[in-house]
Amino acid sequence: MSTDQLIGVWKAIDVDPTNGLIDIGEFGRFMKKGHTEKGKTWQERNMEANKERRQSIEEDMNKLVGRDVTRRIESIAVATDEEAVAMSTLLNEAMGETLRDIDPAARSFFKLFKKMVSTK
């Protein structure tokens, strides 16, 4: 760097050219201009690691409580009325066969469910 270039930089740093001195604030601002990015601080790295751990725990919890099932079935279309009637008919017939030893007036879906669960 030539002397003229150095004097030019000095003049750019010195915002108060009346005294010809560079104070600490002027020098600090000058040094920050050429400062490269340090990267993430330890706090930022720690926060990212904690966020990743939290997401992993949330994913595990979602699987445990069935939230992942809810997400998986979102793309399945709602059954038509005809499909719902067909399924209802099928379940009513199954209830009649499974609960044939119970009076037809006393049959209920709860009793069908209870019997299905107890036979597992």
PDB file of N, CA and C in Angstrom:
ATOM      1  N   MET A   1       0.858  -1.169   0.000  1.00  0.00           N
ATOM      2  CA  MET A   1       0.000   0.000   0.000  1.00  0.00           C
ATOM      3  C   MET A   1       0.906   1.235   0.000  1.00  0.00           C
ATOM      4  N   SER A   2       0.590   2.164  -0.853  1.00  0.00           N
ATOM      5  CA  SER A   2       1.398   3.381  -0.934  1.00  0.00           C
ATOM      6  C   SER A   2       1.044   4.332   0.213  1.00  0.00           C
ATOM      7  N   THR A   3       1.907   5.299   0.428  1.00  0.00           N
ATOM      8  CA  THR A   3       1.672   6.304   1.473  1.00  0.00           C
ATOM      9  C   THR A   3       0.399   7.088   1.184  1.00  0.00           C
ATOM     10  N   ASP A   4       0.169   7.418  -0.072  1.00  0.00           N
ATOM     11  CA  ASP A   4      -1.042   8.158  -0.430  1.00  0.00           C
ATOM     12  C   ASP A   4      -2.305   7.326  -0.139  1.00  0.00           C
ATOM     13  N   GLN A   5      -2.222   6.027  -0.422  1.00  0.00           N
ATOM     14  CA  GLN A   5      -3.378   5.159  -0.129  1.00  0.00           C
ATOM     15  C   GLN A   5      -3.606   5.087   1.380  1.00  0.00           C
ATOM     16  N   LEU A   6      -2.569   4.947   2.149  1.00  0.00           N
ATOM     17  CA  LEU A   6      -2.673   4.895   3.603  1.00  0.00           C
ATOM     18  C   LEU A   6      -3.271   6.185   4.156  1.00  0.00           C
ATOM     19  N   ILE A   7      -2.837   7.324   3.646  1.00  0.00           N
ATOM     20  CA  ILE A   7      -3.396   8.617   4.075  1.00  0.00           C
ATOM     21  C   ILE A   7      -4.864   8.699   3.689  1.00  0.00           C
ATOM     22  N   GLY A   8      -5.228   8.168   2.516  1.00  0.00           N
ATOM     23  CA  GLY A   8      -6.626   8.168   2.087  1.00  0.00           C
ATOM     24  C   GLY A   8      -7.501   7.339   3.016  1.00  0.00           C
ATOM     25  N   VAL A   9      -6.985   6.173   3.431  1.00  0.00           N
ATOM     26  CA  VAL A   9      -7.736   5.328   4.388  1.00  0.00           C
ATOM     27  C   VAL A   9      -7.853   6.060   5.721  1.00  0.00           C
ATOM     28  N   TRP A  10      -6.767   6.678   6.171  1.00  0.00           N
ATOM     29  CA  TRP A  10      -6.794   7.442   7.438  1.00  0.00           C
ATOM     30  C   TRP A  10      -7.876   8.507   7.393  1.00  0.00           C
ATOM     31  N   LYS A  11      -7.943   9.210   6.289  1.00  0.00           N
ATOM     32  CA  LYS A  11      -8.953  10.269   6.155  1.00  0.00           C
ATOM     33  C   LYS A  11     -10.372   9.677   6.134  1.00  0.00           C
ATOM     34  N   ALA A  12     -10.522   8.485   5.570  1.00  0.00           N
ATOM     35  CA  ALA A  12     -11.840   7.841   5.552  1.00  0.00           C
ATOM     36  C   ALA A  12     -12.250   7.414   6.962  1.00  0.00           C
ATOM     37  N   ILE A  13     -11.281   6.999   7.760  1.00  0.00           N
ATOM     38  CA  ILE A  13     -11.568   6.574   9.140  1.00  0.00           C
ATOM     39  C   ILE A  13     -11.867   7.777  10.023  1.00  0.00           C
ATOM     40  N   ASP A  14     -11.112   8.827   9.882  1.00  0.00           N
ATOM     41  CA  ASP A  14     -11.214  10.006  10.746  1.00  0.00           C
ATOM     42  C   ASP A  14     -12.407  10.864  10.309  1.00  0.00           C
ATOM     43  N   VAL A  15     -13.520  10.730  11.039  1.00  0.00           N
ATOM     44  CA  VAL A  15     -14.716  11.502  10.685  1.00  0.00           C
ATOM     45  C   VAL A  15     -14.620  12.955  11.140  1.00  0.00           C
ATOM     46  N   ASP A  16     -13.711  13.230  12.073  1.00  0.00           N
ATOM     47  CA  ASP A  16     -13.487  14.602  12.543  1.00  0.00           C
ATOM     48  C   ASP A  16     -12.069  15.000  12.134  1.00  0.00           C
ATOM     49  N   PRO A  17     -11.900  15.468  10.893  1.00  0.00           N
ATOM     50  CA  PRO A  17     -10.547  15.722  10.387  1.00  0.00           C
ATOM     51  C   PRO A  17      -9.875  16.962  10.987  1.00  0.00           C
ATOM     52  N   THR A  18     -10.536  17.663  11.880  1.00  0.00           N
ATOM     53  CA  THR A  18      -9.938  18.896  12.422  1.00  0.00           C
ATOM     54  C   THR A  18      -8.753  18.613  13.325  1.00  0.00           C
ATOM     55  N   ASN A  19      -8.763  17.441  14.016  1.00  0.00           N
ATOM     56  CA  ASN A  19      -7.663  17.164  14.943  1.00  0.00           C
ATOM     57  C   ASN A  19      -6.654  16.158  14.364  1.00  0.00           C
ATOM     58  N   GLY A  20      -7.007  15.443  13.317  1.00  0.00           N
ATOM     59  CA  GLY A  20      -6.096  14.489  12.699  1.00  0.00           C
ATOM     60  C   GLY A  20      -5.882  13.229  13.508  1.00  0.00           C
ATOM     61  N   LEU A  21      -6.699  13.033  14.540  1.00  0.00           N
ATOM     62  CA  LEU A  21      -6.583  11.835  15.372  1.00  0.00           C
ATOM     63  C   LEU A  21      -7.765  10.897  15.127  1.00  0.00           C
ATOM     64  N   ILE A  22      -7.517   9.624  15.273  1.00  0.00           N
ATOM     65  CA  ILE A  22      -8.586   8.611  15.162  1.00  0.00           C
ATOM     66  C   ILE A  22      -8.903   8.141  16.573  1.00  0.00           C
ATOM     67  N   ASP A  23     -10.163   8.337  16.985  1.00  0.00           N
ATOM     68  CA  ASP A  23     -10.529   7.867  18.323  1.00  0.00           C
ATOM     69  C   ASP A  23     -10.941   6.386  18.261  1.00  0.00           C
ATOM     70  N   ILE A  24     -11.196   5.823  19.405  1.00  0.00           N
ATOM     71  CA  ILE A  24     -11.500   4.392  19.499  1.00  0.00           C
ATOM     72  C   ILE A  24     -12.778   4.021  18.758  1.00  0.00           C
ATOM     73  N   GLY A  25     -13.770   4.908  18.795  1.00  0.00           N
ATOM     74  CA  GLY A  25     -15.023   4.639  18.097  1.00  0.00           C
ATOM     75  C   GLY A  25     -14.829   4.591  16.594  1.00  0.00           C
ATOM     76  N   GLU A  26     -14.054   5.552  16.081  1.00  0.00           N
ATOM     77  CA  GLU A  26     -13.779   5.582  14.644  1.00  0.00           C
ATOM     78  C   GLU A  26     -12.995   4.341  14.222  1.00  0.00           C
ATOM     79  N   PHE A  27     -12.020   3.957  15.025  1.00  0.00           N
ATOM     80  CA  PHE A  27     -11.210   2.796  14.689  1.00  0.00           C
ATOM     81  C   PHE A  27     -12.040   1.510  14.769  1.00  0.00           C
ATOM     82  N   GLY A  28     -12.894   1.426  15.775  1.00  0.00           N
ATOM     83  CA  GLY A  28     -13.767   0.250  15.917  1.00  0.00           C
ATOM     84  C   GLY A  28     -14.690   0.095  14.722  1.00  0.00           C
ATOM     85  N   ARG A  29     -15.318   1.190  14.293  1.00  0.00           N
ATOM     86  CA  ARG A  29     -16.197   1.144  13.116  1.00  0.00           C
ATOM     87  C   ARG A  29     -15.421   0.727  11.867  1.00  0.00           C
ATOM     88  N   PHE A  30     -14.174   1.224  11.745  1.00  0.00           N
ATOM     89  CA  PHE A  30     -13.325   0.866  10.614  1.00  0.00           C
ATOM     90  C   PHE A  30     -13.010  -0.637  10.626  1.00  0.00           C
ATOM     91  N   MET A  31     -12.648  -1.167  11.780  1.00  0.00           N
ATOM     92  CA  MET A  31     -12.290  -2.583  11.883  1.00  0.00           C
ATOM     93  C   MET A  31     -13.484  -3.500  11.628  1.00  0.00           C
ATOM     94  N   LYS A  32     -14.666  -3.066  12.015  1.00  0.00           N
ATOM     95  CA  LYS A  32     -15.866  -3.883  11.784  1.00  0.00           C
ATOM     96  C   LYS A  32     -16.188  -4.014  10.301  1.00  0.00           C
ATOM     97  N   LYS A  33     -15.810  -3.026   9.521  1.00  0.00           N
ATOM     98  CA  LYS A  33     -16.085  -3.074   8.086  1.00  0.00           C
ATOM     99  C   LYS A  33     -15.411  -4.267   7.417  1.00  0.00           C
ATOM    100  N   GLY A  34     -14.215  -4.629   7.848  1.00  0.00           N
ATOM    101  CA  GLY A  34     -13.491  -5.739   7.242  1.00  0.00           C
ATOM    102  C   GLY A  34     -13.574  -7.035   8.018  1.00  0.00           C
ATOM    103  N   HIS A  35     -14.404  -7.047   9.049  1.00  0.00           N
ATOM    104  CA  HIS A  35     -14.526  -8.225   9.900  1.00  0.00           C
ATOM    105  C   HIS A  35     -15.333  -9.300   9.193  1.00  0.00           C
ATOM    106  N   THR A  36     -14.808 -10.511   9.200  1.00  0.00           N
ATOM    107  CA  THR A  36     -15.550 -11.627   8.597  1.00  0.00           C
ATOM    108  C   THR A  36     -16.518 -12.204   9.622  1.00  0.00           C
ATOM    109  N   GLU A  37     -17.535 -12.883   9.118  1.00  0.00           N
ATOM    110  CA  GLU A  37     -18.550 -13.492   9.976  1.00  0.00           C
ATOM    111  C   GLU A  37     -17.909 -14.599  10.816  1.00  0.00           C
ATOM    112  N   LYS A  38     -18.167 -14.581  12.118  1.00  0.00           N
ATOM    113  CA  LYS A  38     -17.578 -15.554  13.036  1.00  0.00           C
ATOM    114  C   LYS A  38     -18.279 -16.900  12.988  1.00  0.00           C
ATOM    115  N   GLY A  39     -19.479 -16.928  12.522  1.00  0.00           N
ATOM    116  CA  GLY A  39     -20.263 -18.153  12.612  1.00  0.00           C
ATOM    117  C   GLY A  39     -21.222 -18.056  13.789  1.00  0.00           C
ATOM    118  N   LYS A  40     -21.808 -19.169  14.112  1.00  0.00           N
ATOM    119  CA  LYS A  40     -22.816 -19.193  15.171  1.00  0.00           C
ATOM    120  C   LYS A  40     -22.147 -19.159  16.540  1.00  0.00           C
ATOM    121  N   THR A  41     -22.813 -18.476  17.465  1.00  0.00           N
ATOM    122  CA  THR A  41     -22.325 -18.439  18.844  1.00  0.00           C
ATOM    123  C   THR A  41     -22.659 -19.755  19.527  1.00  0.00           C
ATOM    124  N   TRP A  42     -22.076 -19.990  20.688  1.00  0.00           N
ATOM    125  CA  TRP A  42     -22.371 -21.224  21.408  1.00  0.00           C
ATOM    126  C   TRP A  42     -23.832 -21.273  21.815  1.00  0.00           C
ATOM    127  N   GLN A  43     -24.441 -20.095  22.077  1.00  0.00           N
ATOM    128  CA  GLN A  43     -25.858 -20.077  22.431  1.00  0.00           C
ATOM    129  C   GLN A  43     -26.714 -20.509  21.244  1.00  0.00           C
ATOM    130  N   GLU A  44     -26.372 -20.012  20.052  1.00  0.00           N
ATOM    131  CA  GLU A  44     -27.134 -20.384  18.853  1.00  0.00           C
ATOM    132  C   GLU A  44     -26.980 -21.874  18.552  1.00  0.00           C
ATOM    133  N   ARG A  45     -25.732 -22.391  18.687  1.00  0.00           N
ATOM    134  CA  ARG A  45     -25.516 -23.826  18.463  1.00  0.00           C
ATOM    135  C   ARG A  45     -26.286 -24.656  19.488  1.00  0.00           C
ATOM    136  N   ASN A  46     -26.299 -24.207  20.723  1.00  0.00           N
ATOM    137  CA  ASN A  46     -27.016 -24.909  21.786  1.00  0.00           C
ATOM    138  C   ASN A  46     -28.518 -24.899  21.524  1.00  0.00           C
ATOM    139  N   MET A  47     -29.047 -23.748  21.091  1.00  0.00           N
ATOM    140  CA  MET A  47     -30.475 -23.648  20.797  1.00  0.00           C
ATOM    141  C   MET A  47     -30.859 -24.581  19.648  1.00  0.00           C
ATOM    142  N   GLU A  48     -30.026 -24.667  18.610  1.00  0.00           N
ATOM    143  CA  GLU A  48     -30.305 -25.557  17.488  1.00  0.00           C
ATOM    144  C   GLU A  48     -30.313 -27.016  17.930  1.00  0.00           C
ATOM    145  N   ALA A  49     -29.342 -27.393  18.751  1.00  0.00           N
ATOM    146  CA  ALA A  49     -29.278 -28.772  19.249  1.00  0.00           C
ATOM    147  C   ALA A  49     -30.512 -29.092  20.088  1.00  0.00           C
ATOM    148  N   ASN A  50     -30.910 -28.156  20.947  1.00  0.00           N
ATOM    149  CA  ASN A  50     -32.108 -28.363  21.765  1.00  0.00           C
ATOM    150  C   ASN A  50     -33.349 -28.478  20.903  1.00  0.00           C
ATOM    151  N   LYS A  51     -33.432 -27.669  19.849  1.00  0.00           N
ATOM    152  CA  LYS A  51     -34.584 -27.717  18.946  1.00  0.00           C
ATOM    153  C   LYS A  51     -34.655 -29.076  18.252  1.00  0.00           C
ATOM    154  N   GLU A  52     -33.521 -29.595  17.812  1.00  0.00           N
ATOM    155  CA  GLU A  52     -33.493 -30.898  17.158  1.00  0.00           C
ATOM    156  C   GLU A  52     -33.915 -31.998  18.131  1.00  0.00           C
ATOM    157  N   ARG A  53     -33.418 -31.932  19.374  1.00  0.00           N
ATOM    158  CA  ARG A  53     -33.820 -32.930  20.374  1.00  0.00           C
ATOM    159  C   ARG A  53     -35.314 -32.851  20.659  1.00  0.00           C
ATOM    160  N   ARG A  54     -35.834 -31.622  20.777  1.00  0.00           N
ATOM    161  CA  ARG A  54     -37.262 -31.442  21.050  1.00  0.00           C
ATOM    162  C   ARG A  54     -38.100 -32.007  19.910  1.00  0.00           C
ATOM    163  N   GLN A  55     -37.689 -31.755  18.660  1.00  0.00           N
ATOM    164  CA  GLN A  55     -38.434 -32.277  17.515  1.00  0.00           C
ATOM    165  C   GLN A  55     -38.432 -33.799  17.513  1.00  0.00           C
ATOM    166  N   SER A  56     -37.300 -34.400  17.855  1.00  0.00           N
ATOM    167  CA  SER A  56     -37.214 -35.854  17.908  1.00  0.00           C
ATOM    168  C   SER A  56     -38.149 -36.418  18.977  1.00  0.00           C
ATOM    169  N   ILE A  57     -38.163 -35.765  20.137  1.00  0.00           N
ATOM    170  CA  ILE A  57     -39.050 -36.203  21.230  1.00  0.00           C
ATOM    171  C   ILE A  57     -40.513 -36.041  20.823  1.00  0.00           C
ATOM    172  N   GLU A  58     -40.840 -34.919  20.169  1.00  0.00           N
ATOM    173  CA  GLU A  58     -42.221 -34.686  19.729  1.00  0.00           C
ATOM    174  C   GLU A  58     -42.652 -35.734  18.706  1.00  0.00           C
ATOM    175  N   GLU A  59     -41.755 -36.099  17.786  1.00  0.00           N
ATOM    176  CA  GLU A  59     -42.083 -37.127  16.803  1.00  0.00           C
ATOM    177  C   GLU A  59     -42.363 -38.457  17.490  1.00  0.00           C
ATOM    178  N   ASP A  60     -41.524 -38.829  18.465  1.00  0.00           N
ATOM    179  CA  ASP A  60     -41.746 -40.073  19.205  1.00  0.00           C
ATOM    180  C   ASP A  60     -43.075 -40.031  19.948  1.00  0.00           C
ATOM    181  N   MET A  61     -43.363 -38.893  20.590  1.00  0.00           N
ATOM    182  CA  MET A  61     -44.613 -38.758  21.331  1.00  0.00           C
ATOM    183  C   MET A  61     -45.814 -38.827  20.384  1.00  0.00           C
ATOM    184  N   ASN A  62     -45.712 -38.203  19.221  1.00  0.00           N
ATOM    185  CA  ASN A  62     -46.806 -38.246  18.244  1.00  0.00           C
ATOM    186  C   ASN A  62     -47.101 -39.680  17.822  1.00  0.00           C
ATOM    187  N   LYS A  63     -46.054 -40.494  17.665  1.00  0.00           N
ATOM    188  CA  LYS A  63     -46.266 -41.897  17.314  1.00  0.00           C
ATOM    189  C   LYS A  63     -46.930 -42.648  18.458  1.00  0.00           C
ATOM    190  N   LEU A  64     -46.506 -42.353  19.682  1.00  0.00           N
ATOM    191  CA  LEU A  64     -47.074 -43.037  20.842  1.00  0.00           C
ATOM    192  C   LEU A  64     -48.552 -42.735  21.039  1.00  0.00           C
ATOM    193  N   VAL A  65     -48.951 -41.489  20.801  1.00  0.00           N
ATOM    194  CA  VAL A  65     -50.342 -41.112  21.056  1.00  0.00           C
ATOM    195  C   VAL A  65     -51.213 -41.163  19.802  1.00  0.00           C
ATOM    196  N   GLY A  66     -50.628 -41.537  18.663  1.00  0.00           N
ATOM    197  CA  GLY A  66     -51.428 -41.740  17.458  1.00  0.00           C
ATOM    198  C   GLY A  66     -51.586 -40.541  16.557  1.00  0.00           C
ATOM    199  N   ARG A  67     -50.856 -39.453  16.824  1.00  0.00           N
ATOM    200  CA  ARG A  67     -50.979 -38.286  15.948  1.00  0.00           C
ATOM    201  C   ARG A  67     -50.446 -38.570  14.552  1.00  0.00           C
ATOM    202  N   ASP A  68     -49.479 -39.485  14.453  1.00  0.00           N
ATOM    203  CA  ASP A  68     -48.947 -39.823  13.139  1.00  0.00           C
ATOM    204  C   ASP A  68     -50.009 -40.518  12.291  1.00  0.00           C
ATOM    205  N   VAL A  69     -50.909 -41.266  12.935  1.00  0.00           N
ATOM    206  CA  VAL A  69     -52.004 -41.921  12.210  1.00  0.00           C
ATOM    207  C   VAL A  69     -52.931 -40.864  11.627  1.00  0.00           C
ATOM    208  N   THR A  70     -53.217 -39.842  12.399  1.00  0.00           N
ATOM    209  CA  THR A  70     -54.078 -38.758  11.932  1.00  0.00           C
ATOM    210  C   THR A  70     -53.492 -38.117  10.686  1.00  0.00           C
ATOM    211  N   ARG A  71     -52.185 -37.878  10.692  1.00  0.00           N
ATOM    212  CA  ARG A  71     -51.545 -37.282   9.510  1.00  0.00           C
ATOM    213  C   ARG A  71     -51.585 -38.222   8.314  1.00  0.00           C
ATOM    214  N   ARG A  72     -51.387 -39.524   8.578  1.00  0.00           N
ATOM    215  CA  ARG A  72     -51.370 -40.482   7.471  1.00  0.00           C
ATOM    216  C   ARG A  72     -52.737 -40.607   6.809  1.00  0.00           C
ATOM    217  N   ILE A  73     -53.820 -40.478   7.578  1.00  0.00           N
ATOM    218  CA  ILE A  73     -55.148 -40.675   6.990  1.00  0.00           C
ATOM    219  C   ILE A  73     -55.739 -39.401   6.390  1.00  0.00           C
ATOM    220  N   GLU A  74     -55.040 -38.274   6.526  1.00  0.00           N
ATOM    221  CA  GLU A  74     -55.554 -37.019   5.975  1.00  0.00           C
ATOM    222  C   GLU A  74     -55.781 -37.103   4.470  1.00  0.00           C
ATOM    223  N   SER A  75     -54.966 -37.878   3.776  1.00  0.00           N
ATOM    224  CA  SER A  75     -55.067 -37.943   2.317  1.00  0.00           C
ATOM    225  C   SER A  75     -56.147 -38.925   1.840  1.00  0.00           C
ATOM    226  N   ILE A  76     -56.733 -39.702   2.728  1.00  0.00           N
ATOM    227  CA  ILE A  76     -57.762 -40.675   2.349  1.00  0.00           C
ATOM    228  C   ILE A  76     -59.098 -39.953   2.213  1.00  0.00           C
ATOM    229  N   ALA A  77     -59.784 -40.232   1.120  1.00  0.00           N
ATOM    230  CA  ALA A  77     -61.067 -39.577   0.849  1.00  0.00           C
ATOM    231  C   ALA A  77     -62.146 -40.077   1.812  1.00  0.00           C
ATOM    232  N   VAL A  78     -63.082 -39.210   2.120  1.00  0.00           N
ATOM    233  CA  VAL A  78     -64.222 -39.556   2.969  1.00  0.00           C
ATOM    234  C   VAL A  78     -65.118 -40.538   2.205  1.00  0.00           C
ATOM    235  N   ALA A  79     -65.615 -41.535   2.915  1.00  0.00           N
ATOM    236  CA  ALA A  79     -66.482 -42.537   2.289  1.00  0.00           C
ATOM    237  C   ALA A  79     -67.776 -41.893   1.800  1.00  0.00           C
ATOM    238  N   THR A  80     -68.291 -42.416   0.702  1.00  0.00           N
ATOM    239  CA  THR A  80     -69.575 -41.934   0.187  1.00  0.00           C
ATOM    240  C   THR A  80     -70.686 -42.491   1.066  1.00  0.00           C
ATOM    241  N   ASP A  81     -71.897 -41.975   0.907  1.00  0.00           N
ATOM    242  CA  ASP A  81     -73.035 -42.490   1.675  1.00  0.00           C
ATOM    243  C   ASP A  81     -73.259 -43.968   1.383  1.00  0.00           C
ATOM    244  N   GLU A  82     -73.099 -44.357   0.110  1.00  0.00           N
ATOM    245  CA  GLU A  82     -73.297 -45.759  -0.265  1.00  0.00           C
ATOM    246  C   GLU A  82     -72.284 -46.662   0.443  1.00  0.00           C
ATOM    247  N   GLU A  83     -71.031 -46.213   0.508  1.00  0.00           N
ATOM    248  CA  GLU A  83     -69.998 -47.003   1.187  1.00  0.00           C
ATOM    249  C   GLU A  83     -70.283 -47.091   2.683  1.00  0.00           C
ATOM    250  N   ALA A  84     -70.744 -45.998   3.278  1.00  0.00           N
ATOM    251  CA  ALA A  84     -71.069 -45.990   4.706  1.00  0.00           C
ATOM    252  C   ALA A  84     -72.241 -46.922   5.002  1.00  0.00           C
ATOM    253  N   VAL A  85     -73.258 -46.908   4.146  1.00  0.00           N
ATOM    254  CA  VAL A  85     -74.413 -47.801   4.328  1.00  0.00           C
ATOM    255  C   VAL A  85     -73.965 -49.253   4.210  1.00  0.00           C
ATOM    256  N   ALA A  86     -73.116 -49.562   3.235  1.00  0.00           N
ATOM    257  CA  ALA A  86     -72.633 -50.935   3.054  1.00  0.00           C
ATOM    258  C   ALA A  86     -71.860 -51.397   4.293  1.00  0.00           C
ATOM    259  N   MET A  87     -71.012 -50.546   4.852  1.00  0.00           N
ATOM    260  CA  MET A  87     -70.246 -50.913   6.052  1.00  0.00           C
ATOM    261  C   MET A  87     -71.169 -51.085   7.248  1.00  0.00           C
ATOM    262  N   SER A  88     -72.145 -50.205   7.380  1.00  0.00           N
ATOM    263  CA  SER A  88     -73.105 -50.321   8.480  1.00  0.00           C
ATOM    264  C   SER A  88     -73.881 -51.630   8.385  1.00  0.00           C
ATOM    265  N   THR A  89     -74.299 -51.978   7.185  1.00  0.00           N
ATOM    266  CA  THR A  89     -75.024 -53.233   6.966  1.00  0.00           C
ATOM    267  C   THR A  89     -74.151 -54.420   7.354  1.00  0.00           C
ATOM    268  N   LEU A  90     -72.905 -54.391   6.922  1.00  0.00           N
ATOM    269  CA  LEU A  90     -71.968 -55.467   7.237  1.00  0.00           C
ATOM    270  C   LEU A  90     -71.782 -55.612   8.744  1.00  0.00           C
ATOM    271  N   LEU A  91     -71.621 -54.498   9.456  1.00  0.00           N
ATOM    272  CA  LEU A  91     -71.442 -54.551  10.912  1.00  0.00           C
ATOM    273  C   LEU A  91     -72.710 -55.013  11.629  1.00  0.00           C
ATOM    274  N   ASN A  92     -73.869 -54.584  11.138  1.00  0.00           N
ATOM    275  CA  ASN A  92     -75.129 -55.044  11.738  1.00  0.00           C
ATOM    276  C   ASN A  92     -75.287 -56.546  11.566  1.00  0.00           C
ATOM    277  N   GLU A  93     -74.930 -57.068  10.387  1.00  0.00           N
ATOM    278  CA  GLU A  93     -75.006 -58.522  10.165  1.00  0.00           C
ATOM    279  C   GLU A  93     -74.023 -59.244  11.074  1.00  0.00           C
ATOM    280  N   ALA A  94     -72.821 -58.708  11.226  1.00  0.00           N
ATOM    281  CA  ALA A  94     -71.825 -59.308  12.108  1.00  0.00           C
ATOM    282  C   ALA A  94     -72.311 -59.298  13.551  1.00  0.00           C
ATOM    283  N   MET A  95     -72.986 -58.212  13.943  1.00  0.00           N
ATOM    284  CA  MET A  95     -73.507 -58.132  15.296  1.00  0.00           C
ATOM    285  C   MET A  95     -74.573 -59.209  15.499  1.00  0.00           C
ATOM    286  N   GLY A  96     -75.423 -59.403  14.481  1.00  0.00           N
ATOM    287  CA  GLY A  96     -76.466 -60.431  14.600  1.00  0.00           C
ATOM    288  C   GLY A  96     -75.872 -61.818  14.739  1.00  0.00           C
ATOM    289  N   GLU A  97     -74.815 -62.105  13.983  1.00  0.00           N
ATOM    290  CA  GLU A  97     -74.176 -63.422  14.049  1.00  0.00           C
ATOM    291  C   GLU A  97     -73.385 -63.598  15.342  1.00  0.00           C
ATOM    292  N   THR A  98     -72.645 -62.576  15.723  1.00  0.00           N
ATOM    293  CA  THR A  98     -71.778 -62.669  16.895  1.00  0.00           C
ATOM    294  C   THR A  98     -72.579 -62.682  18.191  1.00  0.00           C
ATOM    295  N   LEU A  99     -73.680 -61.936  18.220  1.00  0.00           N
ATOM    296  CA  LEU A  99     -74.480 -61.824  19.450  1.00  0.00           C
ATOM    297  C   LEU A  99     -75.795 -62.593  19.334  1.00  0.00           C
ATOM    298  N   ARG A 100     -75.782 -63.683  18.569  1.00  0.00           N
ATOM    299  CA  ARG A 100     -77.041 -64.424  18.357  1.00  0.00           C
ATOM    300  C   ARG A 100     -77.605 -65.011  19.646  1.00  0.00           C
ATOM    301  N   ASP A 101     -76.764 -65.224  20.681  1.00  0.00           N
ATOM    302  CA  ASP A 101     -77.251 -65.761  21.951  1.00  0.00           C
ATOM    303  C   ASP A 101     -77.890 -64.687  22.838  1.00  0.00           C
ATOM    304  N   ILE A 102     -77.877 -63.422  22.385  1.00  0.00           N
ATOM    305  CA  ILE A 102     -78.477 -62.323  23.149  1.00  0.00           C
ATOM    306  C   ILE A 102     -79.766 -61.914  22.455  1.00  0.00           C
ATOM    307  N   ASP A 103     -80.774 -61.572  23.253  1.00  0.00           N
ATOM    308  CA  ASP A 103     -82.064 -61.115  22.721  1.00  0.00           C
ATOM    309  C   ASP A 103     -81.825 -59.971  21.731  1.00  0.00           C
ATOM    310  N   PRO A 104     -82.410 -60.024  20.508  1.00  0.00           N
ATOM    311  CA  PRO A 104     -82.195 -58.984  19.508  1.00  0.00           C
ATOM    312  C   PRO A 104     -82.483 -57.572  20.014  1.00  0.00           C
ATOM    313  N   ALA A 105     -83.437 -57.421  20.907  1.00  0.00           N
ATOM    314  CA  ALA A 105     -83.765 -56.097  21.430  1.00  0.00           C
ATOM    315  C   ALA A 105     -82.670 -55.588  22.367  1.00  0.00           C
ATOM    316  N   ALA A 106     -81.873 -56.491  22.927  1.00  0.00           N
ATOM    317  CA  ALA A 106     -80.838 -56.108  23.884  1.00  0.00           C
ATOM    318  C   ALA A 106     -79.456 -55.971  23.227  1.00  0.00           C
ATOM    319  N   ARG A 107     -79.353 -56.270  21.952  1.00  0.00           N
ATOM    320  CA  ARG A 107     -78.069 -56.170  21.264  1.00  0.00           C
ATOM    321  C   ARG A 107     -77.649 -54.696  21.113  1.00  0.00           C
ATOM    322  N   SER A 108     -76.355 -54.481  21.216  1.00  0.00           N
ATOM    323  CA  SER A 108     -75.852 -53.121  21.030  1.00  0.00           C
ATOM    324  C   SER A 108     -74.441 -53.180  20.452  1.00  0.00           C
ATOM    325  N   PHE A 109     -74.026 -52.059  19.869  1.00  0.00           N
ATOM    326  CA  PHE A 109     -72.671 -52.007  19.327  1.00  0.00           C
ATOM    327  C   PHE A 109     -71.634 -52.124  20.433  1.00  0.00           C
ATOM    328  N   PHE A 110     -71.980 -51.627  21.620  1.00  0.00           N
ATOM    329  CA  PHE A 110     -71.058 -51.739  22.740  1.00  0.00           C
ATOM    330  C   PHE A 110     -70.831 -53.209  23.082  1.00  0.00           C
ATOM    331  N   LYS A 111     -71.893 -54.001  23.107  1.00  0.00           N
ATOM    332  CA  LYS A 111     -71.759 -55.429  23.412  1.00  0.00           C
ATOM    333  C   LYS A 111     -70.966 -56.144  22.311  1.00  0.00           C
ATOM    334  N   LEU A 112     -71.163 -55.748  21.060  1.00  0.00           N
ATOM    335  CA  LEU A 112     -70.389 -56.320  19.956  1.00  0.00           C
ATOM    336  C   LEU A 112     -68.909 -55.980  20.138  1.00  0.00           C
ATOM    337  N   PHE A 113     -68.625 -54.730  20.421  1.00  0.00           N
ATOM    338  CA  PHE A 113     -67.252 -54.291  20.613  1.00  0.00           C
ATOM    339  C   PHE A 113     -66.612 -55.033  21.785  1.00  0.00           C
ATOM    340  N   LYS A 114     -67.355 -55.150  22.892  1.00  0.00           N
ATOM    341  CA  LYS A 114     -66.840 -55.824  24.085  1.00  0.00           C
ATOM    342  C   LYS A 114     -66.530 -57.285  23.775  1.00  0.00           C
ATOM    343  N   LYS A 115     -67.386 -57.932  22.997  1.00  0.00           N
ATOM    344  CA  LYS A 115     -67.168 -59.335  22.669  1.00  0.00           C
ATOM    345  C   LYS A 115     -65.970 -59.466  21.724  1.00  0.00           C
ATOM    346  N   MET A 116     -65.847 -58.544  20.780  1.00  0.00           N
ATOM    347  CA  MET A 116     -64.712 -58.583  19.853  1.00  0.00           C
ATOM    348  C   MET A 116     -63.392 -58.385  20.586  1.00  0.00           C
ATOM    349  N   VAL A 117     -63.359 -57.506  21.539  1.00  0.00           N
ATOM    350  CA  VAL A 117     -62.142 -57.240  22.295  1.00  0.00           C
ATOM    351  C   VAL A 117     -61.804 -58.427  23.187  1.00  0.00           C
ATOM    352  N   SER A 118     -62.801 -59.068  23.773  1.00  0.00           N
ATOM    353  CA  SER A 118     -62.538 -60.180  24.689  1.00  0.00           C
ATOM    354  C   SER A 118     -62.099 -61.436  23.950  1.00  0.00           C
ATOM    355  N   THR A 119     -62.353 -61.544  22.644  1.00  0.00           N
ATOM    356  CA  THR A 119     -61.949 -62.729  21.886  1.00  0.00           C
ATOM    357  C   THR A 119     -60.542 -62.614  21.336  1.00  0.00           C
ATOM    358  N   LYS A 120     -59.902 -61.469  21.499  1.00  0.00           N
ATOM    359  CA  LYS A 120     -58.531 -61.291  20.975  1.00  0.00           C
ATOM    360  C   LYS A 120     -57.545 -62.096  21.704  1.00  0.00           C
TER     361      LYS A 120
END
